[in-house]
N, C-alpha and C. Protein backbone atom coordinates (compact mmCIF):
# COMPACT_ATOMS: atom_id res chain seq x y z
N UNK A 1 66.45 77.38 12.67
CA UNK A 1 64.90 76.87 12.86
C UNK A 1 64.74 76.28 11.51
N UNK A 2 64.38 74.99 11.08
CA UNK A 2 63.82 74.94 9.78
C UNK A 2 62.66 75.78 9.54
N UNK A 3 62.25 75.65 8.11
CA UNK A 3 60.79 76.24 7.29
C UNK A 3 59.69 75.23 7.93
N UNK A 4 58.86 75.76 7.92
CA UNK A 4 57.39 75.17 7.63
C UNK A 4 57.23 74.51 6.41
N UNK A 5 56.57 73.11 6.61
CA UNK A 5 56.00 72.80 5.50
C UNK A 5 54.67 72.46 5.46
N UNK A 6 54.29 72.63 4.28
CA UNK A 6 52.80 72.30 3.91
C UNK A 6 52.75 70.88 3.02
N UNK A 7 51.90 70.81 2.70
CA UNK A 7 51.53 69.22 2.18
C UNK A 7 50.72 70.33 0.31
N UNK A 8 51.29 69.57 -0.40
CA UNK A 8 50.94 69.50 -1.92
C UNK A 8 50.58 67.96 -2.21
N UNK A 9 49.10 67.84 -2.89
CA UNK A 9 48.79 66.30 -3.41
C UNK A 9 49.18 66.88 -5.05
N UNK A 10 49.28 65.33 -5.47
CA UNK A 10 48.65 64.95 -6.86
C UNK A 10 47.82 63.61 -7.10
N UNK A 11 46.46 64.64 -7.60
CA UNK A 11 45.58 63.96 -7.25
C UNK A 11 45.33 62.56 -8.69
N UNK A 12 46.54 62.33 -9.65
CA UNK A 12 46.21 61.12 -10.57
C UNK A 12 47.32 59.79 -9.95
N UNK A 13 48.15 60.39 -8.73
CA UNK A 13 48.84 59.59 -8.78
C UNK A 13 48.65 58.90 -7.20
N UNK A 14 47.85 59.82 -6.69
CA UNK A 14 47.22 59.82 -5.15
C UNK A 14 48.49 59.94 -4.46
N UNK A 15 48.83 60.98 -4.08
CA UNK A 15 50.43 61.34 -3.18
C UNK A 15 50.55 62.10 -2.99
N UNK A 16 50.87 62.53 -1.76
CA UNK A 16 51.26 63.96 -0.89
C UNK A 16 52.68 64.10 -0.39
N UNK A 17 52.62 65.19 -0.84
CA UNK A 17 53.87 65.67 -0.41
C UNK A 17 54.16 66.76 0.55
N UNK A 18 54.89 66.81 1.80
CA UNK A 18 55.45 67.73 2.49
C UNK A 18 56.31 68.71 1.88
N UNK A 19 56.16 69.91 1.69
CA UNK A 19 57.41 70.85 0.95
C UNK A 19 57.04 72.16 1.78
N UNK A 20 57.95 72.84 1.76
CA UNK A 20 58.69 74.29 2.07
C UNK A 20 57.22 74.94 1.67
N UNK A 21 56.87 75.69 2.60
CA UNK A 21 55.43 76.87 2.05
C UNK A 21 55.92 77.60 1.04
N UNK A 22 54.76 77.67 0.12
CA UNK A 22 54.97 78.47 -1.39
C UNK A 22 55.60 79.74 -0.79
N UNK A 23 54.68 80.43 -0.26
CA UNK A 23 55.37 81.71 0.41
C UNK A 23 56.97 81.89 1.21
N UNK A 24 57.18 81.03 1.33
CA UNK A 24 58.49 81.15 2.43
C UNK A 24 59.93 80.90 0.88
N UNK A 25 60.66 81.16 1.09
CA UNK A 25 61.78 80.92 -0.21
C UNK A 25 61.58 81.50 -1.35
N UNK A 26 62.00 82.43 -2.15
CA UNK A 26 62.15 83.05 -3.22
C UNK A 26 61.93 81.62 -4.25
N UNK A 27 61.69 81.70 -5.50
CA UNK A 27 62.25 80.77 -6.56
C UNK A 27 63.36 81.50 -6.75
N UNK A 28 64.64 80.70 -7.32
CA UNK A 28 65.81 81.14 -7.60
C UNK A 28 65.81 81.37 -9.17
N UNK A 29 66.26 82.17 -9.99
CA UNK A 29 66.35 81.96 -11.36
C UNK A 29 66.54 80.74 -12.30
N UNK A 30 65.26 80.85 -12.68
CA UNK A 30 65.18 79.78 -13.76
C UNK A 30 63.81 78.36 -13.09
N UNK A 31 63.57 78.89 -11.84
CA UNK A 31 62.76 77.76 -11.15
C UNK A 31 61.37 78.49 -11.26
N UNK A 32 60.50 77.40 -10.75
CA UNK A 32 58.81 77.93 -11.09
C UNK A 32 58.67 77.28 -9.85
N UNK A 33 57.63 78.57 -9.22
CA UNK A 33 56.75 78.87 -8.42
C UNK A 33 55.96 77.55 -7.77
N UNK A 34 55.38 76.55 -9.00
CA UNK A 34 54.77 75.67 -9.53
C UNK A 34 55.28 74.55 -8.19
N UNK A 35 54.74 73.54 -8.23
CA UNK A 35 55.39 72.53 -7.73
C UNK A 35 54.97 71.19 -9.07
N UNK A 36 55.80 70.61 -8.70
CA UNK A 36 55.41 69.13 -9.73
C UNK A 36 55.71 68.15 -8.87
N UNK A 37 55.01 66.99 -9.53
CA UNK A 37 54.69 65.79 -8.94
C UNK A 37 56.17 65.07 -9.05
N UNK A 38 56.79 64.23 -8.65
CA UNK A 38 57.59 63.70 -8.72
C UNK A 38 57.68 62.50 -8.97
N UNK A 39 56.73 61.93 -9.36
CA UNK A 39 56.30 60.62 -10.32
C UNK A 39 55.94 61.27 -11.81
N UNK A 40 55.12 62.13 -11.76
CA UNK A 40 54.25 61.91 -13.35
C UNK A 40 54.59 63.43 -13.93
N UNK A 41 55.20 64.36 -13.21
CA UNK A 41 55.78 65.56 -13.60
C UNK A 41 54.66 66.58 -13.75
N UNK A 42 53.19 66.24 -13.02
CA UNK A 42 52.20 67.43 -13.35
C UNK A 42 52.23 67.85 -12.32
N UNK A 43 51.56 69.08 -12.53
CA UNK A 43 51.22 70.08 -11.38
C UNK A 43 50.33 69.72 -10.04
N UNK A 44 51.00 70.07 -8.80
CA UNK A 44 50.53 69.31 -7.78
C UNK A 44 49.50 70.58 -7.29
N UNK A 45 48.57 70.24 -6.11
CA UNK A 45 47.82 70.86 -5.33
C UNK A 45 48.58 71.62 -4.44
N UNK A 46 48.32 72.70 -3.63
CA UNK A 46 48.86 73.23 -2.11
C UNK A 46 47.19 73.09 -1.54
N UNK A 47 47.23 71.89 -0.60
CA UNK A 47 46.05 71.45 0.29
C UNK A 47 46.45 72.21 1.59
N UNK A 48 47.18 72.65 2.08
CA UNK A 48 47.82 73.17 3.74
C UNK A 48 48.38 72.40 4.54
N UNK A 49 48.82 72.72 5.34
CA UNK A 49 49.70 71.88 6.39
C UNK A 49 48.80 71.25 7.38
N UNK A 50 47.02 71.17 7.43
CA UNK A 50 46.46 70.60 8.47
C UNK A 50 45.69 69.38 7.61
N UNK A 51 46.44 68.72 6.81
CA UNK A 51 45.95 67.78 5.90
C UNK A 51 46.60 66.27 5.64
N UNK A 52 45.78 65.42 6.44
CA UNK A 52 46.26 64.10 6.48
C UNK A 52 46.09 63.27 5.29
N UNK A 53 46.79 62.73 4.39
CA UNK A 53 46.32 62.07 3.26
C UNK A 53 45.56 60.91 3.57
N UNK A 54 44.89 60.18 2.93
CA UNK A 54 43.87 59.13 2.63
C UNK A 54 45.29 57.93 2.23
N UNK A 55 44.73 56.33 2.35
CA UNK A 55 45.36 55.83 1.80
C UNK A 55 45.82 55.89 -0.29
N UNK A 56 46.55 55.05 -0.54
CA UNK A 56 46.48 55.44 -1.71
C UNK A 56 45.44 54.47 -2.19
N UNK A 57 45.32 53.24 -1.99
CA UNK A 57 44.41 52.36 -2.14
C UNK A 57 42.93 52.92 -1.51
N UNK A 58 42.85 54.01 -1.44
CA UNK A 58 40.99 53.98 -0.82
C UNK A 58 40.72 54.93 -2.00
N UNK A 59 40.08 54.59 -2.72
CA UNK A 59 39.85 55.20 -4.06
C UNK A 59 38.32 56.24 -3.60
N UNK A 60 37.52 55.56 -2.66
CA UNK A 60 36.76 56.39 -2.47
C UNK A 60 37.20 57.89 -1.90
N UNK A 61 37.89 57.50 -0.39
CA UNK A 61 38.50 58.81 0.42
C UNK A 61 39.02 59.63 -0.67
N UNK A 62 39.67 59.48 -2.00
CA UNK A 62 40.32 60.18 -2.86
C UNK A 62 39.33 60.71 -3.85
N UNK A 63 38.46 60.20 -4.34
CA UNK A 63 37.22 60.71 -5.11
C UNK A 63 36.79 62.12 -4.31
N UNK A 64 36.35 61.71 -2.87
CA UNK A 64 35.60 63.12 -2.26
C UNK A 64 36.86 64.14 -2.06
N UNK A 65 38.38 63.75 -1.75
CA UNK A 65 39.70 64.71 -2.01
C UNK A 65 39.34 65.44 -3.26
N UNK A 66 39.25 64.73 -4.10
CA UNK A 66 39.38 65.64 -5.79
C UNK A 66 38.18 66.48 -5.59
N UNK A 67 36.57 66.07 -5.24
CA UNK A 67 35.93 67.01 -5.19
C UNK A 67 35.96 68.09 -4.18
N UNK A 68 36.62 67.65 -3.58
CA UNK A 68 36.54 69.31 -2.01
C UNK A 68 37.78 70.27 -2.82
N UNK A 69 38.62 69.77 -3.43
CA UNK A 69 40.04 70.74 -3.75
C UNK A 69 39.31 71.01 -4.96
N UNK A 70 38.58 70.74 -6.22
CA UNK A 70 37.72 71.32 -6.52
C UNK A 70 36.95 72.31 -6.89
N UNK A 71 36.53 72.20 -5.44
CA UNK A 71 35.66 73.24 -4.97
C UNK A 71 36.25 74.11 -4.23
N UNK A 72 37.26 74.18 -3.84
CA UNK A 72 38.17 75.06 -3.70
C UNK A 72 38.61 75.18 -2.41
N UNK A 73 38.09 73.85 -1.03
CA UNK A 73 38.50 73.69 0.05
C UNK A 73 39.69 73.38 0.10
N UNK A 74 40.33 73.67 1.23
CA UNK A 74 41.61 73.20 1.40
C UNK A 74 41.88 73.21 2.92
N UNK A 75 42.64 72.67 3.76
CA UNK A 75 42.79 72.38 5.15
C UNK A 75 44.12 73.14 5.82
N UNK A 76 43.71 74.45 6.03
CA UNK A 76 44.44 75.12 6.87
C UNK A 76 44.33 75.18 7.68
N UNK A 77 45.28 75.24 8.86
CA UNK A 77 44.92 75.83 10.29
C UNK A 77 44.46 76.83 10.66
N UNK A 78 43.22 76.50 11.45
CA UNK A 78 42.79 77.54 12.31
C UNK A 78 42.94 77.50 13.37
N UNK A 79 43.79 78.44 13.99
CA UNK A 79 44.46 78.64 15.67
C UNK A 79 44.60 77.47 16.18
N UNK A 80 43.64 76.93 17.11
CA UNK A 80 43.92 75.35 17.60
C UNK A 80 43.12 74.45 17.32
N UNK A 81 42.14 74.98 16.43
CA UNK A 81 40.86 73.86 16.18
C UNK A 81 41.47 72.75 14.63
N UNK A 82 42.53 73.21 14.32
CA UNK A 82 43.19 71.86 12.85
C UNK A 82 42.25 72.87 11.79
N UNK A 83 41.87 72.51 10.50
CA UNK A 83 40.85 72.78 9.66
C UNK A 83 39.49 73.09 9.71
N UNK A 84 38.72 72.21 10.56
CA UNK A 84 37.21 72.11 10.84
C UNK A 84 36.67 71.02 10.11
N UNK A 85 35.97 70.78 10.11
CA UNK A 85 35.07 69.98 9.77
C UNK A 85 35.04 69.58 7.88
N UNK A 86 35.44 68.37 7.61
CA UNK A 86 35.72 68.05 5.91
C UNK A 86 34.77 66.58 6.29
N UNK A 87 33.91 66.78 5.06
CA UNK A 87 33.23 65.06 4.41
C UNK A 87 34.41 64.34 4.39
N UNK A 88 33.94 63.34 4.58
CA UNK A 88 34.97 61.74 4.66
C UNK A 88 34.21 61.14 3.49
N UNK A 89 33.41 60.94 3.29
CA UNK A 89 32.49 60.05 2.12
C UNK A 89 31.69 60.35 1.48
N UNK A 90 31.32 59.94 0.20
CA UNK A 90 30.64 59.90 -1.24
C UNK A 90 29.08 60.60 -0.77
N UNK A 91 28.58 60.11 0.75
CA UNK A 91 27.13 60.23 0.75
C UNK A 91 27.36 61.56 1.28
N UNK A 92 28.13 62.01 1.91
CA UNK A 92 27.91 63.18 2.82
C UNK A 92 28.34 64.31 1.98
N UNK A 93 29.49 64.13 0.82
CA UNK A 93 29.35 65.17 -0.27
C UNK A 93 28.10 65.27 -1.20
N UNK A 94 27.51 64.15 -1.56
CA UNK A 94 26.05 64.15 -2.27
C UNK A 94 25.39 65.29 -1.64
N UNK A 95 25.08 64.87 0.03
CA UNK A 95 24.07 65.23 0.49
C UNK A 95 24.10 67.23 0.77
N UNK A 96 25.65 67.58 0.70
CA UNK A 96 26.01 68.37 0.92
C UNK A 96 25.49 69.72 -0.80
N UNK A 97 26.22 69.06 -1.18
CA UNK A 97 26.14 69.39 -2.75
C UNK A 97 24.47 69.69 -3.06
N UNK A 98 23.80 68.73 -3.01
CA UNK A 98 22.22 68.69 -3.19
C UNK A 98 21.40 69.90 -2.38
N UNK A 99 22.05 69.90 -1.29
CA UNK A 99 21.49 71.43 0.08
C UNK A 99 22.54 72.29 -0.86
N UNK A 100 23.34 72.52 -1.42
CA UNK A 100 23.99 73.60 -2.16
C UNK A 100 22.81 73.85 -3.30
N UNK A 101 22.72 73.40 -3.57
CA UNK A 101 21.93 73.07 -5.17
C UNK A 101 20.46 74.00 -5.06
N UNK A 102 19.81 73.28 -4.08
CA UNK A 102 18.62 73.69 -3.79
C UNK A 102 18.44 75.24 -3.12
N UNK A 103 19.36 75.05 -2.07
CA UNK A 103 19.47 76.77 -1.58
C UNK A 103 20.41 77.94 -2.13
N UNK A 104 21.26 77.53 -3.19
CA UNK A 104 22.25 78.69 -4.13
C UNK A 104 23.27 78.71 -3.06
N UNK A 105 23.34 78.40 -2.00
CA UNK A 105 24.82 78.12 -1.26
C UNK A 105 25.73 78.00 -2.00
N UNK A 106 27.18 78.38 -2.18
CA UNK A 106 28.01 78.05 -3.00
C UNK A 106 28.80 76.76 -2.35
N UNK A 107 29.13 75.75 -3.34
CA UNK A 107 29.36 74.20 -3.01
C UNK A 107 30.32 74.38 -1.80
N UNK A 108 31.88 75.49 -1.96
CA UNK A 108 32.54 75.39 -0.95
C UNK A 108 32.06 75.06 0.19
N UNK A 109 31.09 76.38 0.59
CA UNK A 109 30.53 76.68 1.95
C UNK A 109 29.76 74.79 2.17
N UNK A 110 28.82 74.95 1.56
CA UNK A 110 28.17 73.92 1.95
C UNK A 110 29.04 72.70 2.57
N UNK A 111 29.60 72.43 1.55
CA UNK A 111 31.00 71.19 1.67
C UNK A 111 31.43 71.24 3.18
N UNK A 112 31.74 72.47 3.86
CA UNK A 112 32.23 72.48 5.06
C UNK A 112 31.26 72.16 6.10
N UNK A 113 29.99 72.23 6.05
CA UNK A 113 29.04 72.53 7.26
C UNK A 113 29.08 71.38 8.17
N UNK A 114 29.64 71.26 9.35
CA UNK A 114 29.44 70.18 9.72
C UNK A 114 28.28 69.74 9.75
N UNK A 115 26.95 69.64 10.14
CA UNK A 115 25.26 69.70 9.73
C UNK A 115 25.05 70.65 8.82
N UNK A 116 23.53 69.98 8.44
CA UNK A 116 22.42 70.51 7.26
C UNK A 116 21.57 70.79 8.24
N UNK A 117 20.80 72.07 7.85
CA UNK A 117 19.65 72.54 8.72
C UNK A 117 18.32 71.16 8.12
N UNK A 118 17.68 71.00 8.82
CA UNK A 118 16.37 70.19 8.81
C UNK A 118 15.75 70.49 7.96
N UNK A 119 15.19 69.71 7.17
CA UNK A 119 14.72 70.39 6.31
C UNK A 119 12.62 70.29 6.59
N UNK A 120 11.84 71.17 6.43
CA UNK A 120 10.77 71.16 6.56
C UNK A 120 9.68 70.50 5.80
């Protein structure tokens, strides 16, 4: 049975690659555990196995993804439901970031909220 693969992303190249999971397979002598982009040789970000990459020309989606990844949000599967809610537009990201600033909630938590509470 083949080893499980997971997604890694290079934000500058707007590219996603499926590679063996980081915990599976110990690096050999002289190899690094860090994954490098085949295009630009920069370090890639481990995003999880439930990640579906946006099209390379969709700049807004890649900006949203960049904000999510820098906030610490990843796309790991949870039981049967997939990764859960993730914002898809810059408007949704701005709305959740503003909510986090007002309430003091961590950005990562506010970004994955499916709905924001009503303001009174």
